[in-house]
């Protein structure tokens, strides 16, 4: 949907925090008559909303309610409101009227596709095992939902799909996403979007604990103990120049550096897909890695940066090669055997064990390594992966008495040097650690992680 812009907006600053901030108008343009009517009512009826707006850059620049919420007759969610056509939703198409570059970047980002969860195993699990109310308040609150029109009140939004500010929201005008997921209405401040708390509504918990990992990392520790030095309100926000004590989520994934501009495509600097059961390199991963290394190099030397990425990649390879690939192969063999007790997904215990190995524990391990959070890399990550792989998943697979499965597991435990520690003497294993003999099995993981 395209909104009617009633007031002058020439003084708007891009919400992303552009490289240089335009000068503010000495006298902000006054809202037109329709805009004034909006403000008069909302100042009285919703004073909190009004004060958020009035203190915002929008308010300072004379951008009023109708400039964002104004609609044209015929739009699916438009309705008449005190003599004006308005819509409740403000979509990326609407924000893109002024913030065209940011809207295009967002549309191309992984964030905008987050609503695809509606067709995923996660959504199936929540719908079947949980139920529709928890899908709405849980999954769709972060990922977004398809916003529907209320069938009993044409042009109004249905209560099952509104409110929703999910990052991949599917809007009635066909656009994807919600700018207010990060730039919370009605202040829309860039300072808020630059802080890790802005990401923390969704990036936390047992399957993707980026918030918790960041907080325990040295990056997070330094940020929270030096927050007053972060210059968060700055129009120009270049790491190493406008601030330097610590990075935030935005620093590494979105914000400007000495050689890169701001981008609302949060995946541009990510080389790995760590969400999948088995990790995958992304398309053009060398360019993505180069972009992230440039962020790191602002505060770290090349030896430090090289070492970090080799350690991180090696941990990803360890998870993949030692646990994820064998577990996935075993799970596929079990499914192909036709011996699962129940036909529905997630109606068998082994499916839950496998799911949590990669979806919860494996993700925690990989994200912990990616963000320098040792407790999540080991105790909440690989420790739990290993424990449940050896003592829950493998026994559950053997219970089906499938010849191919038993042969695969026997070969793994007897002939793979990463797995044949079971049944051996503890003192001998300790000696192999001291002499470096055991470490030889893992050298290939460091070699492949370095791209050699």
Protein backbone atom coordinates (compact mmCIF):
# COMPACT_ATOMS: atom_id res chain seq x y z
CA UNK A 1 0.00 0.00 0.00
CA UNK A 2 1.21 3.48 -0.78
CA UNK A 3 0.41 6.24 1.66
CA UNK A 4 -0.48 9.80 0.85
CA UNK A 5 2.23 12.11 2.12
CA UNK A 6 0.46 15.17 3.40
CA UNK A 7 3.35 17.08 4.97
CA UNK A 8 6.80 18.11 3.90
CA UNK A 9 9.42 15.49 4.72
CA UNK A 10 12.55 16.99 3.22
CA UNK A 11 14.28 17.01 6.58
CA UNK A 12 13.97 13.28 7.27
CA UNK A 13 17.10 11.39 8.27
CA UNK A 14 17.35 7.73 7.28
CA UNK A 15 16.50 5.61 10.30
CA UNK A 16 19.61 3.52 9.75
CA UNK A 17 21.92 6.33 10.77
CA UNK A 18 23.57 7.39 7.55
CA UNK A 19 27.26 8.13 7.18
CA UNK A 20 26.62 11.83 7.57
CA UNK A 21 23.61 13.39 9.21
CA UNK A 22 21.75 16.15 7.35
CA UNK A 23 21.40 19.45 9.17
CA UNK A 24 18.17 19.88 11.06
CA UNK A 25 15.66 22.47 9.93
CA UNK A 26 15.58 25.57 12.07
CA UNK A 27 11.78 25.56 11.85
CA UNK A 28 10.26 22.13 11.20
CA UNK A 29 7.44 22.23 8.62
CA UNK A 30 4.05 22.33 10.28
CA UNK A 31 1.61 19.48 9.66
CA UNK A 32 -1.28 20.26 7.33
CA UNK A 33 -4.87 20.50 8.57
CA UNK A 34 -5.46 16.74 8.51
CA UNK A 35 -2.21 16.14 10.36
CA UNK A 36 -3.15 18.72 12.98
CA UNK A 37 -6.48 16.98 13.59
CA UNK A 38 -4.65 13.69 14.14
CA UNK A 39 -2.26 15.26 16.61
CA UNK A 40 -4.98 17.09 18.52
CA UNK A 41 -6.89 13.87 19.16
CA UNK A 42 -3.92 11.64 19.88
CA UNK A 43 -2.37 14.14 22.27
CA UNK A 44 -5.51 13.79 24.37
CA UNK A 45 -6.45 10.12 23.83
CA UNK A 46 -3.02 8.45 23.63
CA UNK A 47 -0.54 10.82 25.27
CA UNK A 48 2.24 8.22 25.47
CA UNK A 49 2.10 7.63 21.74
CA UNK A 50 1.97 11.36 21.10
CA UNK A 51 5.01 12.07 23.28
CA UNK A 52 7.01 9.31 21.62
CA UNK A 53 6.25 10.84 18.24
CA UNK A 54 6.84 14.44 19.30
CA UNK A 55 10.31 13.62 20.64
CA UNK A 56 11.23 11.65 17.50
CA UNK A 57 13.01 12.84 14.36
CA UNK A 58 9.69 12.46 12.60
CA UNK A 59 8.08 14.84 15.02
CA UNK A 60 10.96 17.31 14.80
CA UNK A 61 10.68 17.22 11.00
CA UNK A 62 6.93 17.77 10.83
CA UNK A 63 6.04 14.25 9.68
CA UNK A 64 2.64 13.61 11.22
CA UNK A 65 0.34 10.60 11.63
CA UNK A 66 -1.30 10.97 8.23
CA UNK A 67 2.03 10.99 6.41
CA UNK A 68 2.64 7.39 7.45
CA UNK A 69 -0.87 6.08 8.10
CA UNK A 70 -2.68 7.85 5.25
CA UNK A 71 -4.22 5.45 2.73
CA UNK A 72 -6.06 5.47 -0.55
CA UNK A 73 -9.56 4.12 -1.01
CA UNK A 74 -9.43 0.56 -2.27
CA UNK A 75 -6.37 -0.50 -0.32
CA UNK A 76 -7.18 -3.74 1.52
CA UNK A 77 -6.76 -2.32 5.03
CA UNK A 78 -7.92 1.25 4.40
CA UNK A 79 -10.83 2.68 6.35
CA UNK A 80 -12.46 6.07 6.89
CA UNK A 81 -11.44 7.72 10.15
CA UNK A 82 -12.78 11.17 11.06
CA UNK A 83 -12.93 12.25 7.46
CA UNK A 84 -9.58 10.79 6.34
CA UNK A 85 -8.66 7.46 4.75
CA UNK A 86 -6.15 5.71 6.97
CA UNK A 87 -4.64 2.27 7.59
CA UNK A 88 -3.41 0.83 10.86
CA UNK A 89 -0.40 -0.92 9.32
CA UNK A 90 2.65 0.99 8.20
CA UNK A 91 4.54 -1.39 5.94
CA UNK A 92 8.03 -1.34 4.40
CA UNK A 93 6.39 -0.06 1.22
CA UNK A 94 5.16 2.95 3.16
CA UNK A 95 8.48 3.56 4.92
CA UNK A 96 10.17 3.12 1.54
CA UNK A 97 8.48 6.25 0.24
CA UNK A 98 11.16 8.17 2.13
CA UNK A 99 13.64 5.44 3.04
CA UNK A 100 13.86 3.72 -0.34
CA UNK A 101 17.34 2.25 0.03
CA UNK A 102 16.66 0.86 3.48
CA UNK A 103 13.36 -0.67 2.31
CA UNK A 104 15.03 -2.36 -0.67
CA UNK A 105 17.83 -3.78 1.49
CA UNK A 106 15.32 -5.07 4.01
CA UNK A 107 13.25 -6.71 1.27
CA UNK A 108 16.34 -8.58 0.09
CA UNK A 109 17.37 -9.68 3.57
CA UNK A 110 16.86 -12.94 5.40
CA UNK A 111 14.82 -11.04 7.97
CA UNK A 112 12.12 -10.34 5.39
CA UNK A 113 11.81 -14.07 4.65
CA UNK A 114 11.34 -15.02 8.32
CA UNK A 115 7.59 -15.42 7.78
CA UNK A 116 8.36 -18.60 5.86
CA UNK A 117 8.29 -20.32 9.25
CA UNK A 118 4.57 -20.71 8.56
CA UNK A 119 5.44 -23.67 6.31
CA UNK A 120 8.31 -25.09 8.38
CA UNK A 121 8.74 -27.96 10.82
CA UNK A 122 8.91 -25.40 13.64
CA UNK A 123 5.39 -24.19 12.81
CA UNK A 124 4.11 -27.76 12.41
CA UNK A 125 5.50 -28.64 15.83
CA UNK A 126 3.92 -25.59 17.48
CA UNK A 127 0.54 -26.08 15.78
CA UNK A 128 0.22 -29.82 16.43
CA UNK A 129 1.94 -30.30 19.78
CA UNK A 130 1.03 -26.86 21.14
CA UNK A 131 -1.91 -25.18 19.44
CA UNK A 132 -2.90 -22.07 17.53
CA UNK A 133 -2.78 -19.54 20.41
CA UNK A 134 0.88 -20.30 21.16
CA UNK A 135 1.77 -20.17 17.46
CA UNK A 136 0.37 -16.62 17.38
CA UNK A 137 1.94 -15.37 20.61
CA UNK A 138 5.13 -17.39 20.27
CA UNK A 139 6.38 -18.18 16.77
CA UNK A 140 4.61 -15.47 14.80
CA UNK A 141 5.42 -12.74 17.28
CA UNK A 142 9.05 -12.91 16.16
CA UNK A 143 8.89 -14.40 12.69
CA UNK A 144 5.81 -12.53 11.55
CA UNK A 145 2.46 -13.72 10.29
CA UNK A 146 0.20 -13.08 7.33
CA UNK A 147 -1.87 -10.10 8.44
CA UNK A 148 -5.49 -10.73 7.51
CA UNK A 149 -8.50 -8.46 7.21
CA UNK A 150 -11.30 -9.11 9.71
CA UNK A 151 -14.11 -10.83 7.76
CA UNK A 152 -16.71 -9.37 10.13
CA UNK A 153 -15.39 -5.83 9.89
CA UNK A 154 -14.13 -5.10 6.36
CA UNK A 155 -10.89 -3.14 6.10
CA UNK A 156 -10.03 -3.73 9.76
CA UNK A 157 -7.26 -6.09 10.80
CA UNK A 158 -8.18 -9.51 12.21
CA UNK A 159 -7.40 -9.98 15.90
CA UNK A 160 -5.57 -13.27 15.25
CA UNK A 161 -2.99 -11.52 13.10
CA UNK A 162 -2.85 -8.05 14.68
CA UNK A 163 -0.97 -6.79 16.61
CA UNK A 164 2.13 -8.30 15.02
CA UNK A 165 5.53 -6.71 14.43
CA UNK A 166 7.32 -9.89 13.40
CA UNK A 167 10.41 -9.23 11.33
CA UNK A 168 9.07 -11.24 8.37
CA UNK A 169 5.45 -10.14 8.58
CA UNK A 170 3.43 -10.68 5.39
CA UNK A 171 1.49 -7.48 4.85
CA UNK A 172 -1.80 -6.96 2.96
CA UNK A 173 0.00 -4.87 0.33
CA UNK A 174 2.32 -7.79 -0.48
CA UNK A 175 5.40 -6.36 1.23
CA UNK A 176 7.42 -8.43 3.68
CA UNK A 177 8.71 -7.29 7.04
CA UNK A 178 8.13 -4.76 9.76
CA UNK A 179 10.44 -1.78 10.22
CA UNK A 180 9.06 -1.30 13.74
CA UNK A 181 10.49 -4.68 14.79
CA UNK A 182 13.80 -2.84 15.27
CA UNK A 183 12.83 0.85 15.12
CA UNK A 184 10.09 0.63 17.72
CA UNK A 185 7.10 2.85 17.15
CA UNK A 186 6.55 5.73 17.60
CA UNK A 187 10.02 6.97 18.42
CA UNK A 188 11.81 4.95 15.71
CA UNK A 189 15.19 5.89 17.15
CA UNK A 190 18.39 4.72 15.50
CA UNK A 191 20.05 4.68 18.94
CA UNK A 192 17.64 1.98 20.11
CA UNK A 193 18.15 -0.10 16.96
CA UNK A 194 21.92 0.03 17.49
CA UNK A 195 21.73 -1.60 20.92
CA UNK A 196 21.74 -5.38 21.45
CA UNK A 197 18.45 -5.23 23.35
CA UNK A 198 16.74 -4.34 20.08
CA UNK A 199 17.60 -7.81 18.75
CA UNK A 200 16.96 -9.59 22.05
CA UNK A 201 13.21 -10.07 21.67
CA UNK A 202 13.83 -12.83 19.13
CA UNK A 203 17.50 -13.84 19.18
CA UNK A 204 17.53 -15.67 22.50
CA UNK A 205 16.48 -18.94 24.06
CA UNK A 206 17.40 -22.61 23.70
CA UNK A 207 17.74 -22.74 19.91
CA UNK A 208 19.40 -19.42 19.05
CA UNK A 209 20.75 -17.73 22.21
CA UNK A 210 22.62 -14.87 20.54
CA UNK A 211 21.55 -12.45 23.29
CA UNK A 212 22.87 -14.69 26.06
CA UNK A 213 26.07 -15.53 24.16
CA UNK A 214 26.73 -11.83 23.53
CA UNK A 215 26.18 -10.95 27.17
CA UNK A 216 28.75 -13.51 28.36
CA UNK A 217 31.29 -12.63 25.67
CA UNK A 218 33.99 -10.04 26.15
CA UNK A 219 32.23 -7.90 23.54
CA UNK A 220 29.05 -7.82 25.63
CA UNK A 221 30.91 -7.33 28.88
CA UNK A 222 32.78 -4.36 27.46
CA UNK A 223 29.62 -2.87 25.97
CA UNK A 224 27.61 -2.98 29.20
CA UNK A 225 30.46 -1.57 31.27
CA UNK A 226 31.15 1.25 28.79
CA UNK A 227 27.72 2.00 27.35
CA UNK A 228 28.04 5.74 27.98
CA UNK A 229 30.95 5.87 25.55
CA UNK A 230 29.05 4.26 22.64
CA UNK A 231 27.83 7.53 21.06
CA UNK A 232 24.58 5.79 20.16
CA UNK A 233 22.70 8.94 19.10
CA UNK A 234 25.32 10.00 16.59
CA UNK A 235 24.10 10.63 13.05
CA UNK A 236 27.32 9.18 11.72
CA UNK A 237 28.25 5.92 13.52
CA UNK A 238 31.43 4.43 12.08
CA UNK A 239 33.14 1.82 14.24
CA UNK A 240 36.65 2.87 15.25
CA UNK A 241 35.94 6.52 14.55
CA UNK A 242 32.65 7.53 16.18
CA UNK A 243 32.85 4.82 18.86
CA UNK A 244 35.43 2.20 19.73
CA UNK A 245 34.95 0.60 23.18
CA UNK A 246 32.78 -2.32 22.02
CA UNK A 247 30.67 -3.64 19.16
CA UNK A 248 26.94 -4.39 19.24
CA UNK A 249 24.90 -6.69 17.00
CA UNK A 250 24.38 -3.78 14.61
CA UNK A 251 28.11 -3.01 14.52
CA UNK A 252 29.05 -6.40 13.11
CA UNK A 253 26.01 -7.13 10.97
CA UNK A 254 24.64 -3.81 9.69
CA UNK A 255 26.40 -0.60 10.61
CA UNK A 256 29.03 1.43 8.79
CA UNK A 257 32.75 0.74 8.91
CA UNK A 258 35.64 2.61 7.34
CA UNK A 259 35.08 0.78 4.05
CA UNK A 260 31.45 -0.37 4.22
CA UNK A 261 28.25 1.59 4.36
CA UNK A 262 25.17 0.87 6.44
CA UNK A 263 23.07 -2.05 5.21
CA UNK A 264 19.69 -3.35 6.34
CA UNK A 265 20.52 -6.74 4.83
CA UNK A 266 21.72 -8.38 8.03
CA UNK A 267 23.16 -11.43 6.29
CA UNK A 268 25.69 -9.69 4.08
CA UNK A 269 28.59 -10.43 6.45
CA UNK A 270 27.60 -13.97 7.49
CA UNK A 271 29.52 -16.79 5.81
CA UNK A 272 27.81 -19.79 7.45
CA UNK A 273 24.22 -20.94 7.73
CA UNK A 274 24.31 -22.28 11.29
CA UNK A 275 20.57 -22.91 11.53
CA UNK A 276 20.53 -26.11 9.48
CA UNK A 277 21.07 -29.61 10.92
CA UNK A 278 24.39 -29.68 9.03
CA UNK A 279 26.10 -26.30 8.62
CA UNK A 280 26.33 -24.85 5.12
CA UNK A 281 28.54 -22.24 3.54
CA UNK A 282 26.44 -19.42 2.09
CA UNK A 283 26.66 -18.25 -1.50
CA UNK A 284 29.64 -15.95 -2.03
CA UNK A 285 30.88 -16.87 1.44
CA UNK A 286 34.46 -15.60 0.82
CA UNK A 287 33.10 -12.10 0.12
CA UNK A 288 30.86 -12.30 3.18
CA UNK A 289 33.77 -13.43 5.36
CA UNK A 290 35.96 -10.63 3.97
CA UNK A 291 33.29 -8.09 4.90
CA UNK A 292 33.09 -9.41 8.48
CA UNK A 293 36.87 -9.55 8.82
CA UNK A 294 37.00 -5.86 7.95
CA UNK A 295 34.73 -5.13 10.93
CA UNK A 296 36.98 -7.21 13.20
CA UNK A 297 40.13 -5.51 11.92
CA UNK A 298 38.94 -2.18 13.31
CA UNK A 299 39.89 -3.34 16.80
CA UNK A 300 41.92 -6.53 16.27
CA UNK A 301 45.14 -7.36 14.46
CA UNK A 302 45.30 -9.85 11.60
CA UNK A 303 46.84 -12.63 13.74
CA UNK A 304 44.01 -12.33 16.27
CA UNK A 305 41.36 -12.27 13.52
CA UNK A 306 42.88 -15.18 11.60
CA UNK A 307 43.05 -17.27 14.76
CA UNK A 308 39.47 -16.53 15.74
CA UNK A 309 38.01 -17.54 12.39
CA UNK A 310 40.08 -20.73 12.25
CA UNK A 311 38.92 -21.72 15.74
CA UNK A 312 35.31 -20.87 14.94
CA UNK A 313 35.28 -22.75 11.63
CA UNK A 314 36.97 -25.77 13.21
CA UNK A 315 34.24 -25.96 15.87
CA UNK A 316 31.56 -25.82 13.19
CA UNK A 317 33.35 -28.63 11.33
CA UNK A 318 33.64 -30.63 14.57
CA UNK A 319 29.90 -30.41 15.17
CA UNK A 320 29.14 -31.29 11.54
CA UNK A 321 31.56 -34.17 11.05
CA UNK A 322 31.53 -35.82 14.47
CA UNK A 323 27.86 -35.51 15.34
CA UNK A 324 25.52 -33.91 12.77
CA UNK A 325 26.35 -36.00 9.71
CA UNK A 326 26.29 -39.37 11.56
CA UNK A 327 23.09 -38.49 13.42
CA UNK A 328 21.38 -37.36 10.22
CA UNK A 329 22.45 -40.49 8.36
CA UNK A 330 21.19 -42.71 11.19
CA UNK A 331 17.90 -40.83 11.38
CA UNK A 332 17.41 -41.22 7.62
CA UNK A 333 18.06 -44.97 7.87
CA UNK A 334 15.54 -45.31 10.71
CA UNK A 335 12.89 -43.42 8.76
CA UNK A 336 13.56 -45.42 5.59
CA UNK A 337 13.15 -48.69 7.49
CA UNK A 338 9.47 -48.10 8.10
CA UNK A 339 9.89 -49.18 11.71
CA UNK A 340 8.93 -45.92 13.44
CA UNK A 341 6.04 -46.68 15.78
CA UNK A 342 3.87 -43.73 14.76
CA UNK A 343 3.49 -42.11 11.31
CA UNK A 344 3.18 -38.45 12.38
CA UNK A 345 6.29 -36.31 12.68
CA UNK A 346 7.38 -35.78 16.31
CA UNK A 347 5.26 -38.69 17.52
CA UNK A 348 8.35 -40.83 18.19
CA UNK A 349 10.91 -40.27 20.94
CA UNK A 350 13.94 -40.57 18.63
CA UNK A 351 12.66 -37.68 16.51
CA UNK A 352 12.68 -35.38 19.53
CA UNK A 353 16.20 -36.46 20.50
CA UNK A 354 17.49 -35.82 16.98
CA UNK A 355 15.63 -32.50 16.74
CA UNK A 356 17.13 -31.15 19.95
CA UNK A 357 20.62 -32.38 19.00
CA UNK A 358 20.76 -30.02 16.02
CA UNK A 359 17.97 -27.51 16.58
CA UNK A 360 18.86 -26.67 20.18
CA UNK A 361 22.20 -28.05 21.33
CA UNK A 362 24.01 -27.95 17.98
CA UNK A 363 22.92 -24.40 17.28
CA UNK A 364 24.03 -23.28 20.74
CA UNK A 365 27.47 -24.78 20.17
CA UNK A 366 27.89 -23.09 16.80
CA UNK A 367 26.57 -19.72 17.90
CA UNK A 368 28.72 -19.85 21.02
CA UNK A 369 31.82 -20.36 18.88
CA UNK A 370 30.72 -17.69 16.39
CA UNK A 371 30.29 -15.02 19.08
CA UNK A 372 33.08 -15.97 21.47
CA UNK A 373 30.82 -17.33 24.21
CA UNK A 374 32.77 -20.29 25.68
CA UNK A 375 30.04 -21.51 28.03
CA UNK A 376 27.58 -21.85 25.16
CA UNK A 377 30.17 -23.40 22.85
CA UNK A 378 30.94 -26.16 25.38
CA UNK A 379 28.61 -26.65 28.38
CA UNK A 380 25.37 -25.59 26.67
CA UNK A 381 26.62 -26.82 23.30
CA UNK A 382 29.01 -29.64 22.40
CA UNK A 383 28.86 -31.12 25.92
CA UNK A 384 25.10 -31.67 25.59
CA UNK A 385 25.39 -32.72 21.93
CA UNK A 386 27.91 -35.43 22.87
CA UNK A 387 26.06 -36.64 25.95
CA UNK A 388 22.77 -37.01 24.12
CA UNK A 389 24.33 -38.38 20.93
CA UNK A 390 26.10 -41.24 22.74
CA UNK A 391 23.66 -42.00 25.54
CA UNK A 392 20.24 -41.08 24.15
CA UNK A 393 20.27 -40.96 20.36
CA UNK A 394 22.41 -44.03 19.57
CA UNK A 395 20.59 -46.28 22.10
CA UNK A 396 17.23 -45.08 20.75
CA UNK A 397 18.34 -45.93 17.20
CA UNK A 398 19.57 -49.43 18.22
CA UNK A 399 16.20 -50.23 19.78
CA UNK A 400 14.71 -50.56 16.28
CA UNK A 401 17.00 -53.53 15.55
CA UNK A 402 17.71 -52.39 11.99
CA UNK A 403 20.70 -54.17 10.47
CA UNK A 404 21.94 -51.16 8.48
CA UNK A 405 21.66 -48.87 11.51
CA UNK A 406 23.52 -51.24 13.84
CA UNK A 407 26.27 -51.78 11.25
CA UNK A 408 26.67 -48.02 10.77
CA UNK A 409 26.91 -47.38 14.52
CA UNK A 410 29.35 -50.27 15.05
CA UNK A 411 31.64 -48.97 12.32
CA UNK A 412 31.45 -45.44 13.70
CA UNK A 413 32.37 -46.42 17.26
CA UNK A 414 35.04 -48.95 16.34
CA UNK A 415 36.82 -47.35 13.38
CA UNK A 416 36.32 -43.59 13.53
CA UNK A 417 39.12 -42.12 15.70
CA UNK A 418 36.79 -39.34 16.83
CA UNK A 419 34.40 -41.91 18.35
CA UNK A 420 36.35 -44.99 19.39
CA UNK A 421 37.05 -43.77 22.94
CA UNK A 422 34.11 -45.74 24.35
CA UNK A 423 35.21 -48.92 26.12
CA UNK A 424 38.84 -47.85 26.32
CA UNK A 425 40.97 -47.21 29.40
CA UNK A 426 40.80 -43.69 30.89
CA UNK A 427 44.51 -43.54 31.69
CA UNK A 428 45.35 -44.51 28.12
CA UNK A 429 43.09 -41.79 26.75
CA UNK A 430 44.66 -39.19 29.05
CA UNK A 431 48.10 -40.26 27.86
CA UNK A 432 47.02 -39.84 24.25
CA UNK A 433 45.87 -36.30 25.07
CA UNK A 434 49.24 -35.49 26.68
CA UNK A 435 51.22 -36.85 23.77
CA UNK A 436 49.02 -35.22 21.16
CA UNK A 437 48.02 -38.57 19.66
CA UNK A 438 44.29 -37.97 20.09
CA UNK A 439 44.50 -34.47 18.60
CA UNK A 440 45.65 -35.89 15.27
CA UNK A 441 42.09 -36.95 14.51
CA UNK A 442 41.02 -33.34 14.58
CA UNK A 443 43.79 -31.71 12.55
CA UNK A 444 41.80 -32.12 9.35
CA UNK A 445 39.04 -29.97 10.86
CA UNK A 446 41.44 -27.04 11.29
CA UNK A 447 42.85 -27.53 7.81
CA UNK A 448 39.46 -27.51 6.13
CA UNK A 449 38.25 -24.61 8.26
CA UNK A 450 41.13 -22.47 7.04
CA UNK A 451 40.08 -23.13 3.47
CA UNK A 452 43.24 -25.09 2.68
